[in-house]
């Protein structure tokens, strides 16, 4: 078959896709190659592979098979839409000669009917959905020392459309990608061809016999491998044999020894990455297929969902702060996933799936809910308030809600203030905000605001026959102070001894009426 014939069968942008699958413009596309379809002619010079039946999981219930198939169909449809949308916009950033010699990947694209070739987003993540970002805006001022922002993805038509209600015990797992510019720098330093084809079967095992999962080198290091994560000594043990220079081999091996603990810990304190180790030792000769054995894959980062999908159908919204810290030596380091979400913009895509959370609003719409949100721990409670608003608008009787929100400065950190002001004016929620740095010399924390509401808390949470709930979400340290304050309320308002108050709190926990999610 000649090249012109190939071009007639495929969109005009297919050579660019072949050259950059896994590149910045198509970083969410993976190639899955199956044996040529039965009855379809194999490309010239290529014998048809034997047909293999798809295996059925032992003991799998028919319902589970149907559910899995539905997920796969949603995944395929999301990727199809993505390819259709970005196809004409792809820019390979390479010369025409590279496009014309896309090699094996181009062949599988050209003869995709015969090979049953299809693109996938993170084939190693069974439940992963390709999600389009539809909104992004910063919540803190540009000149503020914390970058907190709102991000929204479209879940319409996906398998998780009904599984992302932040008020219903759901969170979103997001899979970040590495910075393409940093990956390019690494590939150049290591002398790796970004367009070379590599098998990803170690990362994404085949579901069917005769199935091959392929990707490009650039995509492998951008999408899959945690190249800028922090290594362990086990990595160094595996790395040493690949050093060709004996002195480098010894140095790598010594870093795994007890007597070199201090040097290794110093490297850890400086947040030295896999990439930095690999570029440091110049004599390393690592076969392409061995990188997947040396570097772990990028793991999910779980975020509380700050929206109710009943109130906002087809939408899933997150409240995120960019994680940063100062490593030894003074360099500022940033979290991978929070940085990825910091720079993603509407029209771009990410891979994610629904995850269980303990932050589930009570089924009884009339019970009083107390909520303590610390920083971005406000997220599930915005969803709670939206859910009660949705229920109220449809005629349901709703109980009181009291929100204790803690931050540093009201002007900089009162996220979604307009929304909460409107909900409070409507009588859906009472906001009791604690700002620790608004007034010099007077630090106000959430436990102080909780103490101010002790009468209501006792009546609705501690008093015999009460039915209220108390939820807390946010950083770990303040939870101890909140718990201590609640113990004090049980003692002072309920005339309980310390042991009785402790027993009461344990009773509330066991009943699911005192729930915390801290990190």
Protein backbone atom coordinates (compact mmCIF):
# COMPACT_ATOMS: atom_id res chain seq x y z
CA UNK A 1 0.00 0.00 0.00
CA UNK A 2 1.43 3.35 -0.95
CA UNK A 3 1.67 6.42 1.24
CA UNK A 4 -1.01 8.37 -0.70
CA UNK A 5 -3.46 5.54 -0.08
CA UNK A 6 -2.64 5.67 3.60
CA UNK A 7 -3.27 9.39 3.71
CA UNK A 8 -6.67 8.91 2.15
CA UNK A 9 -7.69 6.49 4.90
CA UNK A 10 -6.65 8.67 7.81
CA UNK A 11 -7.05 12.31 8.88
CA UNK A 12 -4.37 14.60 7.40
CA UNK A 13 -2.81 15.08 10.83
CA UNK A 14 -2.04 11.39 11.44
CA UNK A 15 1.73 11.63 10.68
CA UNK A 16 1.99 14.32 13.37
CA UNK A 17 0.15 12.08 15.81
CA UNK A 18 2.49 9.24 14.91
CA UNK A 19 5.53 11.37 15.60
CA UNK A 20 4.37 12.94 18.83
CA UNK A 21 1.96 10.49 20.46
CA UNK A 22 2.87 11.18 24.03
CA UNK A 23 4.19 14.64 23.25
CA UNK A 24 2.90 17.83 24.82
CA UNK A 25 0.03 18.18 22.36
CA UNK A 26 -1.10 14.57 22.69
CA UNK A 27 0.32 13.59 26.03
CA UNK A 28 -2.79 11.70 27.03
CA UNK A 29 -2.77 9.26 24.12
CA UNK A 30 -1.40 5.75 24.31
CA UNK A 31 -1.37 3.17 21.55
CA UNK A 32 -2.85 -0.25 21.97
CA UNK A 33 -2.05 -2.80 19.28
CA UNK A 34 -4.02 -6.01 18.86
CA UNK A 35 -3.48 -8.81 16.41
CA UNK A 36 -4.99 -8.06 12.97
CA UNK A 37 -8.74 -8.59 12.89
CA UNK A 38 -10.06 -11.90 11.62
CA UNK A 39 -10.90 -11.65 7.95
CA UNK A 40 -9.00 -8.39 7.48
CA UNK A 41 -6.02 -8.39 5.19
CA UNK A 42 -2.70 -7.85 6.90
CA UNK A 43 -0.42 -5.12 5.53
CA UNK A 44 1.89 -6.20 2.74
CA UNK A 45 4.79 -8.24 4.03
CA UNK A 46 3.14 -8.82 7.40
CA UNK A 47 1.61 -12.18 8.28
CA UNK A 48 -1.60 -12.12 10.27
CA UNK A 49 -1.11 -13.04 13.92
CA UNK A 50 -3.17 -15.96 15.25
CA UNK A 51 -6.56 -14.96 16.61
CA UNK A 52 -6.81 -15.02 20.42
CA UNK A 53 -9.98 -15.04 22.43
CA UNK A 54 -10.35 -12.49 25.22
CA UNK A 55 -9.96 -14.25 28.56
CA UNK A 56 -12.75 -14.17 31.09
CA UNK A 57 -11.84 -13.53 34.72
CA UNK A 58 -12.34 -16.60 36.85
CA UNK A 59 -15.44 -16.29 38.98
CA UNK A 60 -16.34 -12.88 37.57
CA UNK A 61 -20.03 -12.17 37.81
CA UNK A 62 -21.84 -11.18 34.58
CA UNK A 63 -22.83 -7.89 36.19
CA UNK A 64 -19.19 -7.08 36.94
CA UNK A 65 -18.26 -7.86 33.31
CA UNK A 66 -20.99 -5.54 32.07
CA UNK A 67 -19.88 -2.78 34.43
CA UNK A 68 -16.27 -3.13 33.30
CA UNK A 69 -17.37 -3.06 29.67
CA UNK A 70 -19.40 0.11 30.29
CA UNK A 71 -16.34 1.79 31.82
CA UNK A 72 -14.21 0.79 28.83
CA UNK A 73 -16.81 2.10 26.39
CA UNK A 74 -16.88 5.45 28.21
CA UNK A 75 -13.08 5.57 28.19
CA UNK A 76 -12.95 4.86 24.47
CA UNK A 77 -15.59 7.50 23.71
CA UNK A 78 -13.75 10.13 25.77
CA UNK A 79 -10.50 9.45 23.90
CA UNK A 80 -12.32 9.46 20.54
CA UNK A 81 -13.71 12.92 21.31
CA UNK A 82 -10.28 14.08 22.42
CA UNK A 83 -8.61 12.90 19.22
CA UNK A 84 -11.33 14.49 17.10
CA UNK A 85 -10.98 17.78 18.96
CA UNK A 86 -7.19 18.11 19.04
CA UNK A 87 -6.30 16.33 15.81
CA UNK A 88 -6.16 19.39 13.59
CA UNK A 89 -4.33 21.37 16.29
CA UNK A 90 -1.42 18.99 16.76
CA UNK A 91 1.98 20.56 16.26
CA UNK A 92 4.81 18.06 16.22
CA UNK A 93 7.56 20.65 16.51
CA UNK A 94 9.77 18.55 14.25
CA UNK A 95 10.70 18.56 10.60
CA UNK A 96 8.72 16.88 7.84
CA UNK A 97 11.39 14.19 7.52
CA UNK A 98 10.62 13.07 11.06
CA UNK A 99 6.91 13.00 10.30
CA UNK A 100 7.49 10.98 7.12
CA UNK A 101 9.56 8.41 8.98
CA UNK A 102 7.33 7.91 11.99
CA UNK A 103 8.28 4.25 11.74
CA UNK A 104 6.46 1.49 13.56
CA UNK A 105 4.00 3.79 15.29
CA UNK A 106 3.02 5.28 11.95
CA UNK A 107 2.49 1.80 10.54
CA UNK A 108 0.06 0.88 13.29
CA UNK A 109 -1.81 4.12 12.75
CA UNK A 110 -1.88 3.64 9.00
CA UNK A 111 -3.24 0.11 9.21
CA UNK A 112 -5.35 0.63 12.30
CA UNK A 113 -8.28 -1.43 10.97
CA UNK A 114 -6.08 -4.44 10.35
CA UNK A 115 -4.23 -4.12 13.63
CA UNK A 116 -7.29 -2.97 15.59
CA UNK A 117 -5.18 -0.09 16.80
CA UNK A 118 -6.72 2.39 19.21
CA UNK A 119 -5.57 5.16 21.48
CA UNK A 120 -6.04 4.96 25.24
CA UNK A 121 -5.51 7.31 28.17
CA UNK A 122 -3.36 5.70 30.89
CA UNK A 123 -4.13 2.05 29.99
CA UNK A 124 -2.52 1.09 33.31
CA UNK A 125 -5.31 2.87 35.21
CA UNK A 126 -8.31 0.61 34.81
CA UNK A 127 -10.92 3.14 35.92
CA UNK A 128 -9.18 6.21 34.51
CA UNK A 129 -11.33 8.64 32.52
CA UNK A 130 -10.10 11.33 30.17
CA UNK A 131 -11.64 14.51 31.60
CA UNK A 132 -11.81 17.90 29.91
CA UNK A 133 -11.04 20.95 32.04
CA UNK A 134 -13.84 23.48 31.66
CA UNK A 135 -12.98 26.11 34.27
CA UNK A 136 -9.98 27.35 36.24
CA UNK A 137 -9.54 30.46 38.34
CA UNK A 138 -7.30 31.58 41.16
CA UNK A 139 -8.86 32.16 44.57
CA UNK A 140 -5.95 33.85 46.33
CA UNK A 141 -4.39 37.15 45.13
CA UNK A 142 -1.56 36.95 42.58
CA UNK A 143 0.92 38.44 45.04
CA UNK A 144 -0.08 36.12 47.89
CA UNK A 145 2.33 33.49 49.20
CA UNK A 146 -0.14 30.66 48.65
CA UNK A 147 -1.57 29.66 45.30
CA UNK A 148 -5.09 28.35 45.90
CA UNK A 149 -7.39 27.82 42.96
CA UNK A 150 -10.63 26.35 41.65
CA UNK A 151 -10.63 23.80 38.82
CA UNK A 152 -13.57 22.14 37.09
CA UNK A 153 -13.77 19.12 34.79
CA UNK A 154 -16.64 17.96 32.61
CA UNK A 155 -17.87 14.47 33.55
CA UNK A 156 -20.90 14.31 31.25
CA UNK A 157 -21.09 10.98 29.45
CA UNK A 158 -18.27 9.43 31.47
CA UNK A 159 -18.53 6.39 33.71
CA UNK A 160 -18.05 8.63 36.75
CA UNK A 161 -20.80 11.13 35.95
CA UNK A 162 -22.90 9.87 38.87
CA UNK A 163 -19.92 9.14 41.12
CA UNK A 164 -18.48 12.60 41.77
CA UNK A 165 -20.87 14.17 44.26
CA UNK A 166 -18.61 15.70 46.90
CA UNK A 167 -21.49 15.53 49.39
CA UNK A 168 -21.95 11.81 48.85
CA UNK A 169 -18.62 10.45 50.08
CA UNK A 170 -16.76 10.88 46.80
CA UNK A 171 -13.34 12.30 45.94
CA UNK A 172 -11.45 12.58 42.65
CA UNK A 173 -8.16 10.79 41.98
CA UNK A 174 -6.05 12.78 39.52
CA UNK A 175 -3.02 11.49 37.60
CA UNK A 176 -0.54 14.25 36.87
CA UNK A 177 1.97 14.43 34.05
CA UNK A 178 5.55 15.62 34.29
CA UNK A 179 6.59 19.03 32.98
CA UNK A 180 7.31 18.49 29.23
CA UNK A 181 10.18 21.00 29.26
CA UNK A 182 11.87 19.23 32.18
CA UNK A 183 11.35 15.87 30.47
CA UNK A 184 12.92 17.18 27.24
CA UNK A 185 15.94 18.41 29.19
CA UNK A 186 16.33 14.97 30.73
CA UNK A 187 15.95 13.12 27.41
CA UNK A 188 18.53 15.39 25.77
CA UNK A 189 20.97 14.85 28.63
CA UNK A 190 20.54 11.08 28.46
CA UNK A 191 20.69 10.97 24.67
CA UNK A 192 17.26 9.34 24.37
CA UNK A 193 15.17 9.62 21.20
CA UNK A 194 11.76 11.00 22.25
CA UNK A 195 10.08 9.43 19.21
CA UNK A 196 11.41 5.91 19.74
CA UNK A 197 8.74 3.28 20.32
CA UNK A 198 8.77 1.32 23.58
CA UNK A 199 6.59 -1.42 25.01
CA UNK A 200 4.62 -0.44 28.10
CA UNK A 201 3.42 -3.93 28.97
CA UNK A 202 5.33 -3.88 32.27
CA UNK A 203 3.28 -0.85 33.26
CA UNK A 204 0.01 -1.78 31.59
CA UNK A 205 -0.31 -5.59 31.35
CA UNK A 206 -2.35 -6.79 28.39
CA UNK A 207 -5.96 -7.69 29.04
CA UNK A 208 -6.06 -10.00 26.04
CA UNK A 209 -3.64 -12.50 24.61
CA UNK A 210 -2.01 -11.03 21.53
CA UNK A 211 -2.39 -7.49 22.81
CA UNK A 212 0.58 -5.15 22.87
CA UNK A 213 0.66 -1.79 24.65
CA UNK A 214 3.01 0.68 23.01
CA UNK A 215 4.04 4.25 23.68
CA UNK A 216 6.89 6.61 22.86
CA UNK A 217 9.92 7.39 24.99
CA UNK A 218 8.76 10.96 25.49
CA UNK A 219 5.34 9.79 26.62
CA UNK A 220 6.82 7.13 28.90
CA UNK A 221 8.73 9.78 30.84
CA UNK A 222 6.00 12.43 30.68
CA UNK A 223 2.92 10.42 31.50
CA UNK A 224 3.98 7.26 33.30
CA UNK A 225 7.27 7.38 35.18
CA UNK A 226 7.70 9.47 38.33
CA UNK A 227 10.92 10.93 36.97
CA UNK A 228 11.00 13.84 39.42
CA UNK A 229 10.03 11.87 42.48
CA UNK A 230 12.33 11.10 45.40
CA UNK A 231 14.27 7.79 45.11
CA UNK A 232 14.90 5.20 47.79
CA UNK A 233 18.07 3.23 48.40
CA UNK A 234 16.47 0.29 46.60
CA UNK A 235 16.63 2.37 43.41
CA UNK A 236 20.37 2.87 43.89
CA UNK A 237 20.90 -0.86 44.38
CA UNK A 238 19.22 -1.50 41.04
CA UNK A 239 21.03 1.41 39.36
CA UNK A 240 24.64 0.50 40.24
CA UNK A 241 25.04 -2.37 37.71
CA UNK A 242 24.30 -0.01 34.80
CA UNK A 243 27.32 2.24 35.55
CA UNK A 244 30.18 1.50 33.15
CA UNK A 245 32.79 3.47 35.07
CA UNK A 246 34.04 1.50 38.07
CA UNK A 247 34.39 4.58 40.27
CA UNK A 248 30.79 5.61 39.56
CA UNK A 249 29.60 2.07 40.14
CA UNK A 250 31.30 2.06 43.55
CA UNK A 251 29.94 5.49 44.48
CA UNK A 252 26.36 4.49 43.66
CA UNK A 253 26.72 1.23 45.57
CA UNK A 254 28.25 2.99 48.58
CA UNK A 255 25.21 5.26 48.90
CA UNK A 256 23.23 2.16 49.88
CA UNK A 257 25.58 1.35 52.77
CA UNK A 258 25.11 2.25 56.44
CA UNK A 259 28.31 4.29 56.55
CA UNK A 260 26.96 6.54 53.80
CA UNK A 261 23.63 7.13 55.52
CA UNK A 262 24.42 10.76 56.27
CA UNK A 263 25.23 11.57 52.63
CA UNK A 264 22.12 9.77 51.38
CA UNK A 265 19.94 11.60 53.91
CA UNK A 266 21.49 14.89 52.82
CA UNK A 267 20.51 14.11 49.24
CA UNK A 268 17.00 13.29 50.46
CA UNK A 269 16.80 16.59 52.34
CA UNK A 270 17.76 18.38 49.13
CA UNK A 271 14.92 16.49 47.40
CA UNK A 272 17.22 14.95 44.80
CA UNK A 273 15.14 13.25 42.10
CA UNK A 274 15.45 10.15 39.96
CA UNK A 275 16.28 12.40 37.02
CA UNK A 276 19.09 14.12 38.94
CA UNK A 277 20.65 10.81 39.98
CA UNK A 278 20.47 9.50 36.42
CA UNK A 279 22.05 12.63 34.95
CA UNK A 280 24.73 12.80 37.66
CA UNK A 281 26.43 9.54 36.74
CA UNK A 282 27.57 9.99 33.15
CA UNK A 283 28.67 6.41 32.50
CA UNK A 284 25.21 4.91 33.00
CA UNK A 285 24.07 2.75 30.08
CA UNK A 286 20.46 1.80 30.69
CA UNK A 287 18.50 -0.19 28.10
CA UNK A 288 15.26 1.53 27.24
CA UNK A 289 13.09 -1.25 28.61
CA UNK A 290 14.84 -1.15 32.00
CA UNK A 291 13.68 2.33 33.01
CA UNK A 292 10.28 0.95 33.96
CA UNK A 293 12.02 -1.36 36.43
CA UNK A 294 14.03 1.47 37.96
CA UNK A 295 11.46 4.27 38.26
CA UNK A 296 7.96 3.82 39.73
CA UNK A 297 4.88 5.10 37.93
CA UNK A 298 3.17 8.38 38.78
CA UNK A 299 0.57 7.64 41.42
CA UNK A 300 -2.82 9.21 41.90
CA UNK A 301 -3.38 12.24 44.09
CA UNK A 302 -6.77 12.30 45.78
CA UNK A 303 -8.68 15.58 46.09
CA UNK A 304 -11.90 16.28 47.95
CA UNK A 305 -14.65 17.32 45.55
CA UNK A 306 -16.06 20.75 46.40
CA UNK A 307 -19.27 20.49 44.38
CA UNK A 308 -22.57 18.63 44.44
CA UNK A 309 -23.30 16.91 41.14
CA UNK A 310 -27.02 17.23 41.90
CA UNK A 311 -26.63 21.00 42.16
CA UNK A 312 -24.15 21.17 39.26
CA UNK A 313 -24.99 18.29 36.86
CA UNK A 314 -22.13 17.05 34.71
CA UNK A 315 -19.53 19.03 36.64
CA UNK A 316 -16.84 18.05 39.12
CA UNK A 317 -15.04 20.87 40.92
CA UNK A 318 -11.92 20.87 43.08
CA UNK A 319 -10.43 23.32 45.58
CA UNK A 320 -6.63 22.98 45.40
CA UNK A 321 -3.61 24.64 46.94
CA UNK A 322 -0.23 24.31 45.24
CA UNK A 323 2.00 22.40 47.61
CA UNK A 324 5.46 23.85 48.13
CA UNK A 325 8.28 23.48 50.59
CA UNK A 326 11.86 24.60 51.03
CA UNK A 327 14.44 21.86 50.57
CA UNK A 328 17.83 21.89 52.23
CA UNK A 329 19.92 24.48 50.44
CA UNK A 330 17.03 26.90 50.10
CA UNK A 331 15.48 25.71 46.84
CA UNK A 332 11.68 25.78 46.71
CA UNK A 333 10.12 22.49 45.64
CA UNK A 334 6.58 21.92 44.42
CA UNK A 335 4.19 19.00 44.53
CA UNK A 336 3.78 17.22 41.20
CA UNK A 337 0.00 16.96 40.96
CA UNK A 338 -0.86 20.30 42.56
CA UNK A 339 1.60 21.95 40.13
CA UNK A 340 0.06 20.08 37.21
CA UNK A 341 -3.37 21.39 38.19
CA UNK A 342 -1.94 24.87 38.81
CA UNK A 343 -1.06 25.24 35.13
CA UNK A 344 -3.84 23.26 33.47
CA UNK A 345 -6.37 25.44 31.68
CA UNK A 346 -9.86 25.11 30.16
CA UNK A 347 -9.74 23.03 27.00
CA UNK A 348 -6.94 20.82 28.28
CA UNK A 349 -7.36 17.34 29.70
CA UNK A 350 -6.43 15.19 32.67
CA UNK A 351 -6.94 11.57 33.68
CA UNK A 352 -8.96 10.86 36.81
CA UNK A 353 -11.48 8.59 38.45
CA UNK A 354 -13.87 8.57 41.40
CA UNK A 355 -12.54 7.51 44.80
CA UNK A 356 -14.26 6.82 48.12
CA UNK A 357 -14.22 9.45 50.86
CA UNK A 358 -15.54 9.32 54.42
CA UNK A 359 -17.08 12.78 54.01
CA UNK A 360 -20.65 11.69 53.28
CA UNK A 361 -23.57 13.94 54.16
CA UNK A 362 -26.23 12.32 56.40
CA UNK A 363 -29.22 10.85 54.57
CA UNK A 364 -31.58 12.60 56.99
CA UNK A 365 -31.90 16.09 55.49
CA UNK A 366 -33.25 17.53 58.75
CA UNK A 367 -30.32 16.85 61.09
CA UNK A 368 -27.99 19.65 62.20
CA UNK A 369 -24.55 19.42 60.59
CA UNK A 370 -21.47 21.04 62.13
CA UNK A 371 -18.54 21.38 59.70
CA UNK A 372 -14.95 22.35 60.48
CA UNK A 373 -13.03 23.15 57.30
CA UNK A 374 -9.33 23.94 57.65
CA UNK A 375 -7.89 25.66 54.57
CA UNK A 376 -8.73 23.62 51.48
CA UNK A 377 -10.51 21.26 53.89
CA UNK A 378 -13.45 23.55 53.10
CA UNK A 379 -13.98 21.56 49.88
CA UNK A 380 -16.46 18.86 50.96
CA UNK A 381 -18.48 21.37 52.97
CA UNK A 382 -19.08 23.57 49.95
CA UNK A 383 -20.52 20.40 48.41
CA UNK A 384 -22.60 19.77 51.55
CA UNK A 385 -24.07 23.28 51.41
CA UNK A 386 -24.81 22.93 47.69
CA UNK A 387 -26.54 19.61 48.34
CA UNK A 388 -28.77 21.12 51.02
CA UNK A 389 -29.50 24.05 48.71
CA UNK A 390 -30.51 21.60 45.97
CA UNK A 391 -32.77 19.72 48.41
CA UNK A 392 -34.33 22.93 49.73
CA UNK A 393 -35.06 24.17 46.21
CA UNK A 394 -37.00 20.96 45.59
CA UNK A 395 -39.17 21.37 48.64
CA UNK A 396 -37.34 19.20 51.14
CA UNK A 397 -37.19 20.23 54.77
CA UNK A 398 -33.54 20.85 55.65
CA UNK A 399 -31.84 21.11 59.01
CA UNK A 400 -29.37 23.74 60.19
CA UNK A 401 -25.75 23.83 59.08
CA UNK A 402 -22.92 25.50 60.98
CA UNK A 403 -19.61 26.02 59.22
CA UNK A 404 -16.36 26.68 61.10
CA UNK A 405 -13.84 27.76 58.47
CA UNK A 406 -10.24 28.40 59.47
CA UNK A 407 -7.62 30.41 57.58
CA UNK A 408 -4.98 33.06 58.06
CA UNK A 409 -6.37 36.22 56.46
CA UNK A 410 -10.01 36.84 55.56
CA UNK A 411 -9.27 39.04 52.53
CA UNK A 412 -6.87 36.55 50.98
CA UNK A 413 -8.26 33.17 52.03
CA UNK A 414 -12.04 33.36 52.26
CA UNK A 415 -12.66 31.00 49.37
CA UNK A 416 -16.05 31.29 47.63
CA UNK A 417 -17.05 34.15 49.94
CA UNK A 418 -19.81 35.43 47.66
CA UNK A 419 -21.39 31.99 47.52
CA UNK A 420 -21.29 31.45 51.27
CA UNK A 421 -22.62 34.95 51.94
CA UNK A 422 -25.58 34.20 49.65
CA UNK A 423 -26.22 30.79 51.25
CA UNK A 424 -26.01 32.32 54.72
CA UNK A 425 -28.43 35.09 53.74
CA UNK A 426 -30.85 32.42 52.53
CA UNK A 427 -30.62 30.68 55.89
CA UNK A 428 -28.98 27.49 54.63
CA UNK A 429 -25.75 27.82 56.63
CA UNK A 430 -24.31 29.82 59.50
CA UNK A 431 -20.67 30.78 58.88
CA UNK A 432 -18.36 31.05 61.89
CA UNK A 433 -15.00 31.96 60.39
CA UNK A 434 -11.71 31.98 62.27
CA UNK A 435 -8.88 34.16 60.94
CA UNK A 436 -5.64 33.59 62.80
CA UNK A 437 -3.75 36.65 61.53
CA UNK A 438 -6.36 39.29 60.79
CA UNK A 439 -5.85 41.02 64.14
CA UNK A 440 -2.22 41.46 65.25
CA UNK A 441 -1.59 39.78 68.57
CA UNK A 442 -4.98 38.00 68.55
CA UNK A 443 -4.96 34.60 66.90
CA UNK A 444 -8.41 33.14 66.40
CA UNK A 445 -8.66 29.45 65.48
CA UNK A 446 -11.60 27.20 64.65
CA UNK A 447 -11.65 25.73 68.17
CA UNK A 448 -12.39 29.21 69.52
CA UNK A 449 -15.38 29.54 67.19
CA UNK A 450 -16.52 26.03 68.12
CA UNK A 451 -16.45 27.01 71.78
CA UNK A 452 -18.69 30.00 71.00
CA UNK A 453 -21.31 27.59 69.62
CA UNK A 454 -21.14 25.22 72.60
CA UNK A 455 -24.85 25.49 73.44
CA UNK A 456 -25.92 24.35 69.98
CA UNK A 457 -23.21 21.69 69.86
CA UNK A 458 -24.35 20.20 73.16
CA UNK A 459 -28.02 20.28 72.18
CA UNK A 460 -27.49 18.74 68.76
CA UNK A 461 -24.47 16.52 69.32
CA UNK A 462 -23.99 15.65 72.98
CA UNK A 463 -27.41 15.72 74.64
CA UNK A 464 -29.21 12.37 74.98
CA UNK A 465 -31.53 11.93 72.01
CA UNK A 466 -29.64 14.43 69.84
CA UNK A 467 -29.14 13.53 66.16
CA UNK A 468 -26.55 16.04 64.91
CA UNK A 469 -23.27 15.33 63.12
CA UNK A 470 -19.82 16.87 63.30
CA UNK A 471 -17.41 16.68 60.35
CA UNK A 472 -13.82 17.92 60.17
CA UNK A 473 -11.59 18.08 57.08
CA UNK A 474 -8.11 19.55 56.69
CA UNK A 475 -4.61 19.45 58.14
CA UNK A 476 -3.91 16.98 60.91
CA UNK A 477 -2.60 19.19 63.72
CA UNK A 478 -5.73 21.34 64.40
CA UNK A 479 -7.89 18.21 64.73
CA UNK A 480 -6.39 17.56 68.16
CA UNK A 481 -7.42 21.03 69.34
CA UNK A 482 -10.93 20.62 67.93
CA UNK A 483 -11.32 17.24 69.64
CA UNK A 484 -10.10 18.68 72.92
CA UNK A 485 -12.61 21.53 72.64
CA UNK A 486 -15.48 19.12 71.98
CA UNK A 487 -14.42 17.07 75.01
CA UNK A 488 -14.55 20.26 77.08
CA UNK A 489 -18.06 21.05 75.82
CA UNK A 490 -19.26 17.58 76.79
CA UNK A 491 -17.82 18.09 80.27
CA UNK A 492 -19.02 21.66 80.88
CA UNK A 493 -22.45 21.49 79.25
CA UNK A 494 -23.22 17.87 80.04
CA UNK A 495 -21.68 17.75 83.51
CA UNK A 496 -19.56 14.81 82.41
CA UNK A 497 -16.30 13.61 83.86
CA UNK A 498 -13.29 13.43 81.56
CA UNK A 499 -13.76 9.69 81.08
CA UNK A 500 -17.48 10.11 80.38
CA UNK A 501 -16.77 12.83 77.82
CA UNK A 502 -14.17 10.59 76.18
CA UNK A 503 -16.69 7.74 76.07
CA UNK A 504 -19.26 10.07 74.50
CA UNK A 505 -16.86 11.12 71.75
CA UNK A 506 -15.98 7.49 71.06
CA UNK A 507 -19.70 6.72 70.87
CA UNK A 508 -20.17 9.52 68.33
CA UNK A 509 -17.27 8.22 66.26
CA UNK A 510 -18.61 4.67 66.29
CA UNK A 511 -22.03 5.93 65.19
CA UNK A 512 -20.51 7.93 62.32
CA UNK A 513 -21.57 11.21 63.89
CA UNK A 514 -18.04 12.51 64.46
CA UNK A 515 -16.11 12.08 61.23
CA UNK A 516 -12.66 13.39 60.31
CA UNK A 517 -10.57 13.37 57.16
CA UNK A 518 -7.13 14.79 57.88
CA UNK A 519 -3.87 14.87 55.93
